[in-house]
Amino acid sequence: MAHFRRVVRGIQLSSRQEKIVKMVKEEGPITGEQIAQALNLTRATLRPDLAILTMTGILDARPRVGYFYRGRIGPPLGELFKEYKVKDFNSVPVVVKDSTSLYDAIVTIFMEDVDTLIVVNEKGFLEGVLSRKDLLKITLGKMDLYKVPVSVMMTRMPNVITVTPEDSIYSAARKLVEHEIDALPVIKPVNDNGKTAFQVVGRLNNTNLVKLLVELSEA
């Protein structure tokens, strides 16, 4: 493509990307907003360039600090994903009991605007999950939504894919991709009368990961 001018260790840089690298090298740390102002561009226009330069390792980004010049090609975002923990980015779980009706589950999932409901038993321990896709299938059938509990349709333990607070964001992201699911319950093992049960302490979904990527890119 005509606008590509230079190759840095196998990475083709456009004229604008070269200017960004030069600016960060001379003035860093510098925020995305400052770079955009200096180039008389909007942050939205600049975002793809900064994402490319960050992911290739030419620049490094730290939230609330700015962009640094690294000058090497590598996987910095991959490294950061392996350093960051699930507990730093998970959300509050949206939980229903296994006796909740399918109708109430549908209302909850839309009122709370979540992709997956986490189902617990009367003690509050993880029993299963129910996704929007599951609920869509249910509404196309002939079940009595007011009478049938979520326990009938949920994915049950031990078939639920989970993570712990100490797992890396990278490992959590791999589970979301490999299993093609929208959310992961974040759990802590506890002792329940001599048996291992799982307390739900959070949830991690695709939105959490996108927010992290945006924060790293915008710095």
N, C-alpha and C. Protein backbone atom coordinates (compact mmCIF):
# COMPACT_ATOMS: atom_id res chain seq x y z
N MET A 1 0.85 -1.20 0.00
CA MET A 1 0.00 0.00 0.00
C MET A 1 0.88 1.24 0.00
N ALA A 2 0.46 2.26 -0.72
CA ALA A 2 1.31 3.41 -1.00
C ALA A 2 1.68 4.19 0.24
N HIS A 3 0.82 4.23 1.26
CA HIS A 3 1.11 5.09 2.39
C HIS A 3 2.12 4.50 3.37
N PHE A 4 2.48 3.21 3.17
CA PHE A 4 3.50 2.63 4.02
C PHE A 4 4.87 3.08 3.53
N ARG A 5 5.73 3.56 4.47
CA ARG A 5 6.99 4.18 4.09
C ARG A 5 8.21 3.43 4.57
N ARG A 6 8.14 2.82 5.72
CA ARG A 6 9.36 2.28 6.31
C ARG A 6 9.05 0.96 7.01
N VAL A 7 10.02 0.08 7.07
CA VAL A 7 9.86 -1.19 7.75
C VAL A 7 10.79 -1.22 8.95
N VAL A 8 10.23 -1.43 10.14
CA VAL A 8 11.03 -1.53 11.36
C VAL A 8 10.95 -2.96 11.86
N ARG A 9 12.05 -3.71 11.65
CA ARG A 9 12.12 -5.10 12.11
C ARG A 9 10.89 -5.89 11.65
N GLY A 10 10.57 -5.74 10.37
CA GLY A 10 9.48 -6.51 9.80
C GLY A 10 8.12 -5.86 9.92
N ILE A 11 8.02 -4.74 10.64
CA ILE A 11 6.75 -4.04 10.82
C ILE A 11 6.72 -2.80 9.93
N GLN A 12 5.75 -2.70 9.05
CA GLN A 12 5.64 -1.55 8.16
C GLN A 12 4.95 -0.41 8.90
N LEU A 13 5.61 0.74 8.90
CA LEU A 13 5.05 1.92 9.56
C LEU A 13 4.59 2.94 8.53
N SER A 14 3.44 3.53 8.77
CA SER A 14 2.98 4.61 7.92
C SER A 14 3.68 5.90 8.34
N SER A 15 3.52 6.93 7.53
CA SER A 15 4.13 8.23 7.84
C SER A 15 3.63 8.74 9.19
N ARG A 16 2.33 8.58 9.45
CA ARG A 16 1.77 9.04 10.72
C ARG A 16 2.31 8.24 11.90
N GLN A 17 2.45 6.95 11.70
CA GLN A 17 3.00 6.12 12.78
C GLN A 17 4.44 6.49 13.08
N GLU A 18 5.23 6.83 12.05
CA GLU A 18 6.60 7.28 12.27
C GLU A 18 6.63 8.55 13.12
N LYS A 19 5.70 9.48 12.82
CA LYS A 19 5.62 10.72 13.60
C LYS A 19 5.28 10.43 15.06
N ILE A 20 4.38 9.49 15.27
CA ILE A 20 3.98 9.14 16.63
C ILE A 20 5.17 8.55 17.39
N VAL A 21 5.89 7.64 16.75
CA VAL A 21 7.04 7.02 17.40
C VAL A 21 8.08 8.07 17.76
N LYS A 22 8.37 8.97 16.83
CA LYS A 22 9.35 10.03 17.06
C LYS A 22 8.91 10.92 18.23
N MET A 23 7.63 11.27 18.27
CA MET A 23 7.11 12.13 19.33
C MET A 23 7.22 11.46 20.70
N VAL A 24 6.84 10.18 20.76
CA VAL A 24 6.88 9.47 22.04
C VAL A 24 8.32 9.27 22.49
N LYS A 25 9.20 8.99 21.54
CA LYS A 25 10.61 8.78 21.88
C LYS A 25 11.22 10.05 22.46
N GLU A 26 10.83 11.21 21.94
CA GLU A 26 11.41 12.47 22.39
C GLU A 26 10.71 13.07 23.60
N GLU A 27 9.39 12.82 23.74
CA GLU A 27 8.61 13.52 24.76
C GLU A 27 7.95 12.60 25.78
N GLY A 28 8.09 11.30 25.61
CA GLY A 28 7.39 10.37 26.49
C GLY A 28 7.86 10.46 27.93
N PRO A 29 7.00 10.09 28.90
CA PRO A 29 5.65 9.57 28.67
C PRO A 29 4.69 10.67 28.22
N ILE A 30 3.83 10.29 27.28
CA ILE A 30 2.88 11.25 26.71
C ILE A 30 1.56 10.52 26.50
N THR A 31 0.47 11.18 26.76
CA THR A 31 -0.84 10.54 26.67
C THR A 31 -1.34 10.53 25.23
N GLY A 32 -2.33 9.67 24.97
CA GLY A 32 -2.95 9.61 23.66
C GLY A 32 -3.60 10.93 23.28
N GLU A 33 -4.18 11.60 24.26
CA GLU A 33 -4.82 12.88 24.01
C GLU A 33 -3.79 13.93 23.58
N GLN A 34 -2.63 13.93 24.24
CA GLN A 34 -1.57 14.89 23.87
C GLN A 34 -1.04 14.62 22.47
N ILE A 35 -0.90 13.35 22.12
CA ILE A 35 -0.44 13.01 20.78
C ILE A 35 -1.45 13.47 19.74
N ALA A 36 -2.73 13.22 20.01
CA ALA A 36 -3.79 13.62 19.08
C ALA A 36 -3.79 15.13 18.88
N GLN A 37 -3.63 15.89 19.95
CA GLN A 37 -3.61 17.34 19.85
C GLN A 37 -2.42 17.82 19.03
N ALA A 38 -1.27 17.21 19.25
CA ALA A 38 -0.07 17.62 18.53
C ALA A 38 -0.18 17.35 17.03
N LEU A 39 -0.88 16.27 16.67
CA LEU A 39 -1.04 15.92 15.26
C LEU A 39 -2.32 16.49 14.66
N ASN A 40 -3.07 17.23 15.49
CA ASN A 40 -4.34 17.83 15.04
C ASN A 40 -5.31 16.77 14.54
N LEU A 41 -5.42 15.69 15.33
CA LEU A 41 -6.31 14.58 14.99
C LEU A 41 -7.22 14.28 16.17
N THR A 42 -8.28 13.55 15.92
CA THR A 42 -9.12 13.09 17.02
C THR A 42 -8.51 11.82 17.60
N ARG A 43 -8.85 11.53 18.85
CA ARG A 43 -8.33 10.32 19.49
C ARG A 43 -8.85 9.07 18.78
N ALA A 44 -10.08 9.14 18.26
CA ALA A 44 -10.65 7.99 17.55
C ALA A 44 -9.84 7.68 16.28
N THR A 45 -9.41 8.73 15.58
CA THR A 45 -8.61 8.55 14.37
C THR A 45 -7.25 7.95 14.70
N LEU A 46 -6.71 8.36 15.82
CA LEU A 46 -5.37 7.95 16.22
C LEU A 46 -5.33 6.55 16.84
N ARG A 47 -6.46 6.10 17.37
CA ARG A 47 -6.49 4.86 18.15
C ARG A 47 -5.93 3.64 17.42
N PRO A 48 -6.26 3.39 16.14
CA PRO A 48 -5.69 2.22 15.46
C PRO A 48 -4.17 2.26 15.37
N ASP A 49 -3.60 3.45 15.12
CA ASP A 49 -2.14 3.57 15.04
C ASP A 49 -1.50 3.24 16.38
N LEU A 50 -2.06 3.78 17.46
CA LEU A 50 -1.51 3.53 18.79
C LEU A 50 -1.65 2.05 19.16
N ALA A 51 -2.75 1.45 18.76
CA ALA A 51 -2.94 0.03 19.06
C ALA A 51 -1.89 -0.83 18.36
N ILE A 52 -1.63 -0.52 17.08
CA ILE A 52 -0.62 -1.27 16.32
C ILE A 52 0.77 -1.09 16.93
N LEU A 53 1.13 0.15 17.25
CA LEU A 53 2.46 0.42 17.80
C LEU A 53 2.64 -0.20 19.18
N THR A 54 1.55 -0.29 19.93
CA THR A 54 1.63 -0.89 21.26
C THR A 54 1.71 -2.41 21.18
N MET A 55 0.86 -2.99 20.34
CA MET A 55 0.83 -4.46 20.23
C MET A 55 2.12 -5.01 19.63
N THR A 56 2.77 -4.25 18.76
CA THR A 56 4.02 -4.72 18.17
C THR A 56 5.21 -4.51 19.10
N GLY A 57 5.04 -3.71 20.15
CA GLY A 57 6.11 -3.53 21.12
C GLY A 57 6.97 -2.32 20.89
N ILE A 58 6.69 -1.55 19.83
CA ILE A 58 7.46 -0.34 19.59
C ILE A 58 7.20 0.67 20.70
N LEU A 59 5.94 0.76 21.11
CA LEU A 59 5.56 1.61 22.24
C LEU A 59 5.02 0.74 23.37
N ASP A 60 5.07 1.29 24.56
CA ASP A 60 4.46 0.64 25.72
C ASP A 60 3.44 1.62 26.30
N ALA A 61 2.35 1.09 26.83
CA ALA A 61 1.30 1.94 27.38
C ALA A 61 1.01 1.55 28.81
N ARG A 62 0.91 2.55 29.65
CA ARG A 62 0.54 2.32 31.05
C ARG A 62 -0.68 3.18 31.38
N PRO A 63 -1.74 2.57 31.92
CA PRO A 63 -2.95 3.34 32.25
C PRO A 63 -2.64 4.52 33.15
N ARG A 64 -3.25 5.66 32.81
CA ARG A 64 -3.17 6.90 33.58
C ARG A 64 -1.75 7.48 33.61
N VAL A 65 -0.84 6.94 32.83
CA VAL A 65 0.52 7.48 32.77
C VAL A 65 0.82 7.98 31.36
N GLY A 66 0.77 7.10 30.38
CA GLY A 66 1.01 7.50 29.02
C GLY A 66 1.78 6.46 28.23
N TYR A 67 2.26 6.87 27.06
CA TYR A 67 3.01 5.99 26.17
C TYR A 67 4.50 6.20 26.34
N PHE A 68 5.24 5.07 26.33
CA PHE A 68 6.70 5.08 26.42
C PHE A 68 7.26 4.46 25.15
N TYR A 69 8.45 4.87 24.80
CA TYR A 69 9.14 4.25 23.66
C TYR A 69 9.87 3.01 24.14
N ARG A 70 9.62 1.90 23.46
CA ARG A 70 10.31 0.65 23.78
C ARG A 70 11.35 0.32 22.73
N GLY A 71 10.97 0.50 21.47
CA GLY A 71 11.91 0.30 20.38
C GLY A 71 12.20 -1.13 20.03
N ARG A 72 11.39 -2.07 20.53
CA ARG A 72 11.62 -3.47 20.16
C ARG A 72 10.29 -4.10 19.78
N ILE A 73 10.38 -5.11 18.92
CA ILE A 73 9.18 -5.82 18.52
C ILE A 73 8.97 -6.98 19.48
N GLY A 74 7.81 -7.04 20.07
CA GLY A 74 7.51 -8.12 21.01
C GLY A 74 6.04 -8.15 21.31
N PRO A 75 5.61 -8.96 22.25
CA PRO A 75 4.19 -9.07 22.58
C PRO A 75 3.85 -8.39 23.89
N PRO A 76 3.97 -7.06 24.01
CA PRO A 76 3.77 -6.42 25.30
C PRO A 76 2.37 -6.61 25.87
N LEU A 77 1.34 -6.57 25.00
CA LEU A 77 -0.01 -6.76 25.52
C LEU A 77 -0.18 -8.18 26.03
N GLY A 78 0.43 -9.14 25.32
CA GLY A 78 0.36 -10.52 25.79
C GLY A 78 1.04 -10.67 27.14
N GLU A 79 2.17 -9.97 27.31
CA GLU A 79 2.88 -10.03 28.59
C GLU A 79 2.04 -9.41 29.70
N LEU A 80 1.39 -8.28 29.39
CA LEU A 80 0.55 -7.62 30.39
C LEU A 80 -0.63 -8.50 30.76
N PHE A 81 -1.23 -9.15 29.76
CA PHE A 81 -2.36 -10.02 30.03
C PHE A 81 -1.96 -11.17 30.95
N LYS A 82 -0.73 -11.59 30.86
CA LYS A 82 -0.26 -12.67 31.74
C LYS A 82 0.07 -12.15 33.13
N GLU A 83 0.37 -10.86 33.24
CA GLU A 83 0.69 -10.27 34.55
C GLU A 83 -0.56 -9.89 35.32
N TYR A 84 -1.57 -9.34 34.62
CA TYR A 84 -2.78 -8.88 35.29
C TYR A 84 -3.60 -10.06 35.78
N LYS A 85 -4.24 -9.88 36.92
CA LYS A 85 -5.05 -10.93 37.54
C LYS A 85 -6.54 -10.69 37.30
N VAL A 86 -7.27 -11.78 37.31
CA VAL A 86 -8.73 -11.70 37.15
C VAL A 86 -9.33 -10.80 38.22
N LYS A 87 -8.82 -10.88 39.44
CA LYS A 87 -9.39 -10.13 40.55
C LYS A 87 -9.30 -8.62 40.35
N ASP A 88 -8.41 -8.18 39.46
CA ASP A 88 -8.24 -6.74 39.22
C ASP A 88 -9.26 -6.19 38.23
N PHE A 89 -9.95 -7.06 37.50
CA PHE A 89 -10.83 -6.58 36.44
C PHE A 89 -12.21 -7.24 36.42
N ASN A 90 -12.47 -8.19 37.31
CA ASN A 90 -13.78 -8.85 37.26
C ASN A 90 -14.89 -7.92 37.75
N SER A 91 -16.12 -8.27 37.38
CA SER A 91 -17.30 -7.48 37.73
C SER A 91 -18.10 -8.18 38.82
N VAL A 92 -19.09 -7.46 39.34
CA VAL A 92 -19.98 -8.04 40.34
C VAL A 92 -20.85 -9.10 39.67
N PRO A 93 -20.97 -10.29 40.23
CA PRO A 93 -21.76 -11.34 39.59
C PRO A 93 -23.26 -11.08 39.71
N VAL A 94 -24.00 -11.44 38.69
CA VAL A 94 -25.46 -11.40 38.74
C VAL A 94 -25.93 -12.83 38.98
N VAL A 95 -26.50 -13.04 40.15
CA VAL A 95 -26.77 -14.40 40.63
C VAL A 95 -28.26 -14.63 40.80
N VAL A 96 -28.72 -15.85 40.45
CA VAL A 96 -30.09 -16.28 40.74
C VAL A 96 -30.02 -17.66 41.39
N LYS A 97 -31.04 -18.01 42.14
CA LYS A 97 -31.09 -19.33 42.76
C LYS A 97 -31.58 -20.37 41.75
N ASP A 98 -31.22 -21.62 42.01
CA ASP A 98 -31.60 -22.68 41.08
C ASP A 98 -33.11 -22.92 41.02
N SER A 99 -33.83 -22.39 42.01
CA SER A 99 -35.29 -22.52 42.03
C SER A 99 -36.01 -21.38 41.30
N THR A 100 -35.25 -20.39 40.83
CA THR A 100 -35.84 -19.25 40.12
C THR A 100 -36.52 -19.72 38.84
N SER A 101 -37.68 -19.16 38.53
CA SER A 101 -38.39 -19.55 37.31
C SER A 101 -37.67 -19.01 36.09
N LEU A 102 -37.89 -19.66 34.96
CA LEU A 102 -37.28 -19.20 33.72
C LEU A 102 -37.76 -17.79 33.35
N TYR A 103 -39.02 -17.50 33.66
CA TYR A 103 -39.55 -16.16 33.39
C TYR A 103 -38.77 -15.10 34.17
N ASP A 104 -38.58 -15.35 35.47
CA ASP A 104 -37.83 -14.40 36.29
C ASP A 104 -36.37 -14.29 35.84
N ALA A 105 -35.82 -15.39 35.34
CA ALA A 105 -34.44 -15.36 34.84
C ALA A 105 -34.34 -14.47 33.60
N ILE A 106 -35.34 -14.56 32.72
CA ILE A 106 -35.36 -13.72 31.51
C ILE A 106 -35.44 -12.25 31.90
N VAL A 107 -36.31 -11.95 32.86
CA VAL A 107 -36.45 -10.57 33.32
C VAL A 107 -35.13 -10.07 33.90
N THR A 108 -34.49 -10.90 34.72
CA THR A 108 -33.23 -10.52 35.37
C THR A 108 -32.12 -10.26 34.36
N ILE A 109 -32.01 -11.13 33.38
CA ILE A 109 -30.88 -11.01 32.44
C ILE A 109 -31.00 -9.74 31.60
N PHE A 110 -32.24 -9.31 31.33
CA PHE A 110 -32.41 -8.07 30.56
C PHE A 110 -32.41 -6.84 31.43
N MET A 111 -32.94 -6.94 32.63
CA MET A 111 -32.91 -5.80 33.55
C MET A 111 -31.49 -5.46 33.97
N GLU A 112 -30.67 -6.49 34.18
CA GLU A 112 -29.29 -6.29 34.61
C GLU A 112 -28.35 -6.10 33.41
N ASP A 113 -28.86 -6.37 32.20
CA ASP A 113 -28.08 -6.22 30.98
C ASP A 113 -26.78 -7.02 31.03
N VAL A 114 -26.91 -8.31 31.31
CA VAL A 114 -25.77 -9.21 31.34
C VAL A 114 -25.96 -10.31 30.32
N ASP A 115 -24.87 -11.00 29.98
CA ASP A 115 -24.94 -12.05 29.00
C ASP A 115 -25.18 -13.43 29.62
N THR A 116 -24.83 -13.56 30.90
CA THR A 116 -24.95 -14.86 31.55
C THR A 116 -25.36 -14.68 33.01
N LEU A 117 -26.29 -15.53 33.45
CA LEU A 117 -26.67 -15.58 34.86
C LEU A 117 -25.91 -16.70 35.55
N ILE A 118 -25.44 -16.42 36.75
CA ILE A 118 -24.77 -17.44 37.55
C ILE A 118 -25.80 -18.02 38.53
N VAL A 119 -25.93 -19.33 38.51
CA VAL A 119 -26.96 -20.00 39.31
C VAL A 119 -26.32 -20.62 40.55
N VAL A 120 -26.91 -20.35 41.71
CA VAL A 120 -26.39 -20.89 42.98
C VAL A 120 -27.48 -21.68 43.69
N ASN A 121 -27.07 -22.51 44.65
CA ASN A 121 -28.04 -23.25 45.44
C ASN A 121 -28.44 -22.43 46.65
N GLU A 122 -29.20 -23.03 47.56
CA GLU A 122 -29.72 -22.30 48.72
C GLU A 122 -28.64 -21.84 49.66
N LYS A 123 -27.45 -22.46 49.58
CA LYS A 123 -26.33 -22.03 50.41
C LYS A 123 -25.49 -20.94 49.73
N GLY A 124 -25.83 -20.63 48.49
CA GLY A 124 -25.08 -19.61 47.77
C GLY A 124 -23.89 -20.13 47.00
N PHE A 125 -23.77 -21.45 46.87
CA PHE A 125 -22.64 -22.05 46.15
C PHE A 125 -23.01 -22.30 44.69
N LEU A 126 -22.00 -22.24 43.83
CA LEU A 126 -22.20 -22.36 42.39
C LEU A 126 -22.84 -23.69 42.01
N GLU A 127 -23.92 -23.61 41.21
CA GLU A 127 -24.60 -24.79 40.71
C GLU A 127 -24.55 -24.87 39.19
N GLY A 128 -24.55 -23.69 38.53
CA GLY A 128 -24.55 -23.70 37.07
C GLY A 128 -24.59 -22.30 36.50
N VAL A 129 -24.76 -22.22 35.19
CA VAL A 129 -24.88 -20.93 34.49
C VAL A 129 -26.00 -21.03 33.46
N LEU A 130 -26.59 -19.88 33.16
CA LEU A 130 -27.65 -19.80 32.16
C LEU A 130 -27.37 -18.59 31.29
N SER A 131 -27.22 -18.79 29.98
CA SER A 131 -26.85 -17.70 29.07
C SER A 131 -28.05 -17.17 28.31
N ARG A 132 -27.84 -16.05 27.63
CA ARG A 132 -28.89 -15.49 26.77
C ARG A 132 -29.27 -16.49 25.68
N LYS A 133 -28.28 -17.21 25.15
CA LYS A 133 -28.56 -18.19 24.11
C LYS A 133 -29.48 -19.29 24.64
N ASP A 134 -29.23 -19.72 25.87
CA ASP A 134 -30.10 -20.73 26.49
C ASP A 134 -31.52 -20.22 26.59
N LEU A 135 -31.66 -18.98 27.03
CA LEU A 135 -32.99 -18.40 27.21
C LEU A 135 -33.71 -18.21 25.89
N LEU A 136 -32.95 -17.89 24.84
CA LEU A 136 -33.56 -17.74 23.52
C LEU A 136 -34.14 -19.08 23.05
N LYS A 137 -33.40 -20.14 23.26
CA LYS A 137 -33.90 -21.47 22.88
C LYS A 137 -35.17 -21.81 23.65
N ILE A 138 -35.18 -21.43 24.93
CA ILE A 138 -36.33 -21.73 25.78
C ILE A 138 -37.58 -21.02 25.29
N THR A 139 -37.44 -19.75 24.92
CA THR A 139 -38.60 -18.96 24.50
C THR A 139 -39.18 -19.46 23.19
N LEU A 140 -38.38 -20.17 22.41
CA LEU A 140 -38.87 -20.71 21.14
C LEU A 140 -39.60 -22.03 21.34
N GLY A 141 -39.49 -22.59 22.52
CA GLY A 141 -40.17 -23.85 22.83
C GLY A 141 -41.54 -23.62 23.43
N LYS A 142 -42.07 -24.66 24.06
CA LYS A 142 -43.44 -24.60 24.61
C LYS A 142 -43.44 -24.79 26.13
N MET A 143 -42.34 -24.46 26.80
CA MET A 143 -42.27 -24.59 28.25
C MET A 143 -43.10 -23.52 28.94
N ASP A 144 -43.60 -23.86 30.11
CA ASP A 144 -44.28 -22.88 30.95
C ASP A 144 -43.21 -22.10 31.71
N LEU A 145 -42.88 -20.90 31.23
CA LEU A 145 -41.78 -20.13 31.78
C LEU A 145 -41.99 -19.76 33.24
N TYR A 146 -43.25 -19.73 33.68
CA TYR A 146 -43.56 -19.34 35.06
C TYR A 146 -43.35 -20.49 36.04
N LYS A 147 -43.37 -21.71 35.53
CA LYS A 147 -43.31 -22.88 36.42
C LYS A 147 -41.98 -23.63 36.38
N VAL A 148 -41.30 -23.57 35.25
CA VAL A 148 -40.05 -24.33 35.10
C VAL A 148 -38.89 -23.57 35.72
N PRO A 149 -38.13 -24.20 36.63
CA PRO A 149 -36.98 -23.51 37.26
C PRO A 149 -35.76 -23.51 36.35
N VAL A 150 -34.85 -22.61 36.61
CA VAL A 150 -33.64 -22.51 35.78
C VAL A 150 -32.78 -23.76 35.89
N SER A 151 -32.91 -24.50 36.98
CA SER A 151 -32.11 -25.71 37.17
C SER A 151 -32.35 -26.75 36.07
N VAL A 152 -33.51 -26.66 35.42
CA VAL A 152 -33.85 -27.62 34.36
C VAL A 152 -33.03 -27.35 33.10
N MET A 153 -32.73 -26.08 32.82
CA MET A 153 -32.09 -25.70 31.56
C MET A 153 -30.64 -25.24 31.68
N MET A 154 -30.17 -25.01 32.89
CA MET A 154 -28.82 -24.45 33.06
C MET A 154 -27.75 -25.49 32.73
N THR A 155 -26.54 -24.99 32.44
CA THR A 155 -25.36 -25.85 32.35
C THR A 155 -24.89 -26.10 33.78
N ARG A 156 -24.78 -27.37 34.16
CA ARG A 156 -24.49 -27.72 35.54
C ARG A 156 -23.00 -27.93 35.81
N MET A 157 -22.63 -27.75 37.06
CA MET A 157 -21.31 -28.18 37.49
C MET A 157 -21.26 -29.70 37.37
N PRO A 158 -20.12 -30.30 36.99
CA PRO A 158 -18.80 -29.66 36.81
C PRO A 158 -18.53 -29.20 35.38
N ASN A 159 -19.56 -29.03 34.59
CA ASN A 159 -19.37 -28.64 33.19
C ASN A 159 -19.26 -27.14 32.99
N VAL A 160 -19.32 -26.37 34.08
CA VAL A 160 -19.20 -24.92 33.99
C VAL A 160 -17.72 -24.53 33.95
N ILE A 161 -17.35 -23.68 33.00
CA ILE A 161 -15.97 -23.20 32.89
C ILE A 161 -15.81 -22.01 33.83
N THR A 162 -14.82 -22.08 34.71
CA THR A 162 -14.65 -21.06 35.74
C THR A 162 -13.20 -20.55 35.78
N VAL A 163 -13.00 -19.48 36.53
CA VAL A 163 -11.66 -18.98 36.83
C VAL A 163 -11.62 -18.60 38.30
N THR A 164 -10.42 -18.41 38.82
CA THR A 164 -10.24 -17.95 40.19
C THR A 164 -9.71 -16.52 40.16
N PRO A 165 -9.80 -15.81 41.28
CA PRO A 165 -9.30 -14.43 41.31
C PRO A 165 -7.82 -14.30 40.98
N GLU A 166 -7.04 -15.34 41.26
CA GLU A 166 -5.60 -15.28 41.04
C GLU A 166 -5.18 -15.71 39.64
N ASP A 167 -6.12 -16.21 38.83
CA ASP A 167 -5.78 -16.56 37.46
C ASP A 167 -5.41 -15.31 36.67
N SER A 168 -4.60 -15.47 35.64
CA SER A 168 -4.23 -14.34 34.80
C SER A 168 -5.36 -14.00 33.83
N ILE A 169 -5.39 -12.74 33.43
CA ILE A 169 -6.37 -12.32 32.42
C ILE A 169 -6.15 -13.11 31.13
N TYR A 170 -4.91 -13.44 30.83
CA TYR A 170 -4.61 -14.20 29.62
C TYR A 170 -5.28 -15.57 29.64
N SER A 171 -5.14 -16.29 30.74
CA SER A 171 -5.73 -17.62 30.82
C SER A 171 -7.25 -17.55 30.77
N ALA A 172 -7.83 -16.50 31.38
CA ALA A 172 -9.28 -16.32 31.32
C ALA A 172 -9.73 -16.04 29.89
N ALA A 173 -8.98 -15.19 29.18
CA ALA A 173 -9.33 -14.87 27.80
C ALA A 173 -9.26 -16.11 26.92
N ARG A 174 -8.27 -16.95 27.15
CA ARG A 174 -8.15 -18.20 26.38
C ARG A 174 -9.37 -19.09 26.60
N LYS A 175 -9.85 -19.15 27.83
CA LYS A 175 -11.03 -19.98 28.12
C LYS A 175 -12.26 -19.45 27.39
N LEU A 176 -12.43 -18.13 27.38
CA LEU A 176 -13.57 -17.53 26.69
C LEU A 176 -13.54 -17.87 25.20
N VAL A 177 -12.34 -17.81 24.62
CA VAL A 177 -12.20 -18.07 23.18
C VAL A 177 -12.35 -19.55 22.88
N GLU A 178 -11.65 -20.39 23.62
CA GLU A 178 -11.63 -21.82 23.33
C GLU A 178 -13.00 -22.47 23.51
N HIS A 179 -13.74 -22.01 24.51
CA HIS A 179 -15.04 -22.62 24.80
C HIS A 179 -16.20 -21.84 24.18
N GLU A 180 -15.87 -20.72 23.50
CA GLU A 180 -16.88 -19.91 22.80
C GLU A 180 -18.03 -19.53 23.73
N ILE A 181 -17.67 -18.98 24.87
CA ILE A 181 -18.66 -18.55 25.86
C ILE A 181 -18.51 -17.06 26.11
N ASP A 182 -19.52 -16.47 26.77
CA ASP A 182 -19.56 -15.03 26.95
C ASP A 182 -19.03 -14.57 28.30
N ALA A 183 -19.07 -15.45 29.31
CA ALA A 183 -18.69 -15.02 30.66
C ALA A 183 -18.19 -16.20 31.48
N LEU A 184 -17.39 -15.87 32.47
CA LEU A 184 -16.83 -16.88 33.37
C LEU A 184 -17.15 -16.53 34.83
N PRO A 185 -17.72 -17.45 35.59
CA PRO A 185 -17.85 -17.20 37.02
C PRO A 185 -16.47 -17.19 37.67
N VAL A 186 -16.25 -16.24 38.55
CA VAL A 186 -15.00 -16.19 39.33
C VAL A 186 -15.30 -16.82 40.68
N ILE A 187 -14.55 -17.85 41.04
CA ILE A 187 -14.92 -18.65 42.21
C ILE A 187 -13.76 -18.83 43.18
N LYS A 188 -14.13 -19.13 44.43
CA LYS A 188 -13.18 -19.53 45.46
C LYS A 188 -13.66 -20.84 46.07
N PRO A 189 -12.80 -21.87 46.12
CA PRO A 189 -13.20 -23.13 46.75
C PRO A 189 -13.38 -22.95 48.26
N VAL A 190 -14.42 -23.56 48.81
CA VAL A 190 -14.67 -23.53 50.25
C VAL A 190 -15.05 -24.92 50.71
N ASN A 191 -14.95 -25.14 52.00
CA ASN A 191 -15.33 -26.42 52.59
C ASN A 191 -16.78 -26.38 53.02
N ASP A 192 -17.57 -27.32 52.51
CA ASP A 192 -18.99 -27.41 52.87
C ASP A 192 -19.25 -28.79 53.44
N ASN A 193 -19.13 -28.88 54.76
CA ASN A 193 -19.35 -30.16 55.46
C ASN A 193 -18.48 -31.28 54.89
N GLY A 194 -17.22 -30.97 54.69
CA GLY A 194 -16.28 -31.98 54.22
C GLY A 194 -16.19 -32.11 52.71
N LYS A 195 -17.05 -31.40 51.99
CA LYS A 195 -17.03 -31.43 50.54
C LYS A 195 -16.58 -30.08 49.99
N THR A 196 -16.00 -30.09 48.80
CA THR A 196 -15.56 -28.86 48.17
C THR A 196 -16.72 -28.20 47.44
N ALA A 197 -17.01 -26.97 47.80
CA ALA A 197 -18.02 -26.17 47.10
C ALA A 197 -17.34 -24.92 46.58
N PHE A 198 -18.07 -24.15 45.80
CA PHE A 198 -17.46 -22.99 45.16
C PHE A 198 -18.29 -21.73 45.41
N GLN A 199 -17.67 -20.79 46.09
CA GLN A 199 -18.30 -19.50 46.36
C GLN A 199 -18.08 -18.58 45.17
N VAL A 200 -19.13 -17.93 44.71
CA VAL A 200 -19.03 -17.01 43.57
C VAL A 200 -18.63 -15.63 44.07
N VAL A 201 -17.50 -15.14 43.59
CA VAL A 201 -16.99 -13.84 44.05
C VAL A 201 -16.94 -12.79 42.93
N GLY A 202 -17.29 -13.18 41.71
CA GLY A 202 -17.28 -12.22 40.61
C GLY A 202 -17.60 -12.89 39.29
N ARG A 203 -17.53 -12.12 38.23
CA ARG A 203 -17.68 -12.66 36.88
C ARG A 203 -16.73 -11.91 35.95
N LEU A 204 -16.25 -12.59 34.94
CA LEU A 204 -15.39 -11.96 33.94
C LEU A 204 -15.98 -12.26 32.57
N ASN A 205 -16.21 -11.21 31.79
CA ASN A 205 -16.79 -11.42 30.46
C ASN A 205 -16.01 -10.65 29.39
N ASN A 206 -16.51 -10.74 28.17
CA ASN A 206 -15.82 -10.09 27.06
C ASN A 206 -15.72 -8.58 27.25
N THR A 207 -16.73 -7.99 27.87
CA THR A 207 -16.72 -6.54 28.09
C THR A 207 -15.56 -6.13 29.00
N ASN A 208 -15.28 -6.93 30.03
CA ASN A 208 -14.15 -6.63 30.90
C ASN A 208 -12.84 -6.59 30.11
N LEU A 209 -12.68 -7.52 29.18
CA LEU A 209 -11.44 -7.59 28.40
C LEU A 209 -11.34 -6.42 27.42
N VAL A 210 -12.47 -6.06 26.81
CA VAL A 210 -12.46 -4.93 25.87
C VAL A 210 -12.13 -3.63 26.61
N LYS A 211 -12.69 -3.45 27.80
CA LYS A 211 -12.40 -2.25 28.59
C LYS A 211 -10.91 -2.18 28.93
N LEU A 212 -10.31 -3.32 29.25
CA LEU A 212 -8.89 -3.35 29.55
C LEU A 212 -8.07 -2.97 28.33
N LEU A 213 -8.42 -3.49 27.15
CA LEU A 213 -7.70 -3.16 25.92
C LEU A 213 -7.80 -1.67 25.60
N VAL A 214 -9.00 -1.12 25.78
CA VAL A 214 -9.18 0.31 25.51
C VAL A 214 -8.34 1.15 26.47
N GLU A 215 -8.33 0.75 27.74
CA GLU A 215 -7.57 1.50 28.75
C GLU A 215 -6.08 1.45 28.44
N LEU A 216 -5.59 0.30 28.02
CA LEU A 216 -4.17 0.18 27.68
C LEU A 216 -3.83 0.98 26.42
N SER A 217 -4.75 0.97 25.45
CA SER A 217 -4.49 1.67 24.19
C SER A 217 -4.53 3.18 24.37
N GLU A 218 -5.47 3.65 25.18
CA GLU A 218 -5.61 5.09 25.37
C GLU A 218 -4.66 5.63 26.42
N ALA A 219 -4.24 4.73 27.34
CA ALA A 219 -3.30 5.12 28.40
C ALA A 219 -3.75 6.38 29.10
